[in-house]
N, C-alpha and C. Protein backbone atom coordinates (compact mmCIF):
# COMPACT_ATOMS: atom_id res chain seq x y z
N MET A 1 -124.18 -35.96 80.42
CA MET A 1 -123.74 -34.70 79.87
C MET A 1 -122.46 -34.27 80.59
N ARG A 2 -121.50 -33.85 79.82
CA ARG A 2 -120.23 -33.41 80.39
C ARG A 2 -120.14 -31.89 80.34
N PRO A 3 -119.43 -31.29 81.29
CA PRO A 3 -119.27 -29.83 81.25
C PRO A 3 -118.43 -29.41 80.05
N ILE A 4 -118.63 -28.16 79.61
CA ILE A 4 -117.81 -27.63 78.52
C ILE A 4 -116.36 -27.66 78.94
N GLY A 5 -115.51 -28.22 78.11
CA GLY A 5 -114.09 -28.32 78.43
C GLY A 5 -113.71 -29.68 78.98
N ALA A 6 -114.69 -30.59 79.12
CA ALA A 6 -114.38 -31.92 79.61
C ALA A 6 -113.49 -32.64 78.60
N LEU A 7 -112.84 -33.66 79.05
CA LEU A 7 -111.83 -34.36 78.27
C LEU A 7 -112.31 -34.80 76.89
N ASN A 8 -113.51 -35.32 76.78
CA ASN A 8 -113.97 -35.89 75.51
C ASN A 8 -114.86 -34.96 74.69
N THR A 9 -114.77 -33.66 74.90
CA THR A 9 -115.52 -32.73 74.06
C THR A 9 -114.59 -32.14 73.02
N GLU A 10 -115.14 -31.69 71.92
CA GLU A 10 -114.31 -31.12 70.86
C GLU A 10 -113.78 -29.75 71.24
N GLU A 11 -114.59 -28.94 71.89
CA GLU A 11 -114.19 -27.59 72.25
C GLU A 11 -113.81 -27.53 73.73
N ARG A 12 -112.62 -27.03 74.00
CA ARG A 12 -112.19 -26.88 75.39
C ARG A 12 -112.17 -25.40 75.75
N LYS A 13 -112.63 -25.09 76.92
CA LYS A 13 -112.69 -23.69 77.37
C LYS A 13 -111.53 -23.37 78.31
N TYR A 14 -110.59 -24.26 78.47
CA TYR A 14 -109.45 -24.04 79.35
C TYR A 14 -108.23 -24.71 78.75
N GLU A 15 -107.05 -24.29 79.19
CA GLU A 15 -105.81 -24.93 78.75
C GLU A 15 -105.56 -26.16 79.60
N PHE A 16 -105.08 -27.20 78.98
CA PHE A 16 -104.77 -28.42 79.70
C PHE A 16 -103.26 -28.58 79.77
N TYR A 17 -102.72 -28.73 80.95
CA TYR A 17 -101.29 -28.89 81.15
C TYR A 17 -101.03 -30.29 81.68
N ALA A 18 -100.28 -31.08 80.92
CA ALA A 18 -99.94 -32.43 81.34
C ALA A 18 -98.46 -32.45 81.73
N PRO A 19 -98.15 -32.42 83.02
CA PRO A 19 -96.74 -32.43 83.42
C PRO A 19 -96.07 -33.74 83.03
N LYS A 20 -94.80 -33.65 82.72
CA LYS A 20 -94.01 -34.83 82.38
C LYS A 20 -93.75 -35.63 83.66
N PRO A 21 -93.61 -36.95 83.54
CA PRO A 21 -93.33 -37.77 84.72
C PRO A 21 -92.02 -37.33 85.39
N SER A 22 -92.00 -37.40 86.69
CA SER A 22 -90.79 -37.05 87.43
C SER A 22 -90.74 -37.87 88.71
N GLU A 23 -89.66 -37.75 89.43
CA GLU A 23 -89.54 -38.47 90.68
C GLU A 23 -90.39 -37.78 91.75
N PRO A 24 -91.06 -38.56 92.60
CA PRO A 24 -91.86 -37.95 93.66
C PRO A 24 -90.96 -37.23 94.67
N THR A 25 -91.43 -36.14 95.18
CA THR A 25 -90.69 -35.39 96.18
C THR A 25 -91.61 -35.03 97.33
N ILE A 26 -91.01 -34.71 98.46
CA ILE A 26 -91.77 -34.28 99.64
C ILE A 26 -91.15 -32.99 100.13
N LEU A 27 -92.00 -32.01 100.39
CA LEU A 27 -91.54 -30.77 101.00
C LEU A 27 -91.82 -30.85 102.49
N VAL A 28 -90.86 -30.42 103.30
CA VAL A 28 -91.04 -30.42 104.76
C VAL A 28 -90.70 -29.04 105.31
N SER A 29 -91.27 -28.75 106.46
CA SER A 29 -91.03 -27.48 107.12
C SER A 29 -90.66 -27.76 108.57
N ASP A 30 -89.64 -27.06 109.07
CA ASP A 30 -89.24 -27.19 110.47
C ASP A 30 -89.77 -26.04 111.31
N ASP A 31 -90.44 -25.08 110.67
CA ASP A 31 -90.88 -23.89 111.39
C ASP A 31 -92.35 -23.57 111.14
N ARG A 32 -93.16 -24.61 111.13
CA ARG A 32 -94.61 -24.49 110.99
C ARG A 32 -95.05 -23.82 109.70
N GLY A 33 -94.28 -24.01 108.62
CA GLY A 33 -94.69 -23.54 107.31
C GLY A 33 -94.15 -22.20 106.88
N ASP A 34 -93.29 -21.57 107.67
CA ASP A 34 -92.71 -20.30 107.23
C ASP A 34 -91.71 -20.51 106.10
N THR A 35 -90.94 -21.60 106.18
CA THR A 35 -90.00 -21.96 105.11
C THR A 35 -90.14 -23.45 104.83
N TRP A 36 -89.74 -23.85 103.63
CA TRP A 36 -89.88 -25.24 103.19
C TRP A 36 -88.59 -25.69 102.51
N HIS A 37 -88.29 -26.99 102.57
CA HIS A 37 -87.15 -27.55 101.84
C HIS A 37 -87.49 -28.97 101.39
N LEU A 38 -86.78 -29.43 100.37
CA LEU A 38 -86.98 -30.81 99.91
C LEU A 38 -86.52 -31.76 101.00
N ALA A 39 -87.31 -32.77 101.26
CA ALA A 39 -86.97 -33.74 102.30
C ALA A 39 -85.72 -34.53 101.92
N THR A 40 -84.90 -34.79 102.92
CA THR A 40 -83.73 -35.65 102.77
C THR A 40 -83.83 -36.77 103.80
N THR A 41 -82.92 -37.72 103.75
CA THR A 41 -82.97 -38.86 104.67
C THR A 41 -83.03 -38.39 106.12
N GLY A 42 -82.29 -37.37 106.46
CA GLY A 42 -82.27 -36.87 107.84
C GLY A 42 -83.62 -36.42 108.36
N ASP A 43 -84.49 -36.01 107.47
CA ASP A 43 -85.83 -35.58 107.89
C ASP A 43 -86.68 -36.75 108.37
N PHE A 44 -86.30 -37.97 108.03
CA PHE A 44 -87.08 -39.14 108.40
C PHE A 44 -86.45 -39.95 109.52
N LEU A 45 -85.26 -39.56 109.98
CA LEU A 45 -84.61 -40.28 111.06
C LEU A 45 -85.27 -39.94 112.38
N GLN A 46 -85.47 -40.94 113.20
CA GLN A 46 -86.11 -40.73 114.49
C GLN A 46 -85.07 -40.23 115.50
N THR A 47 -85.39 -39.16 116.18
CA THR A 47 -84.49 -38.62 117.22
C THR A 47 -85.17 -38.71 118.56
N GLU A 48 -84.37 -38.85 119.59
CA GLU A 48 -84.95 -38.98 120.94
C GLU A 48 -84.55 -37.81 121.78
């Protein structure tokens, strides 16, 4: 038995949103989550 609104039922009790394919992205924060930005190459470079 599937819950009401499951994929293969005729009646859905919720809206289904299928996002279009896109390029994967990563958000990073330098201040413990107060602000965020899209990751760039510099975010992955190792610093000493």
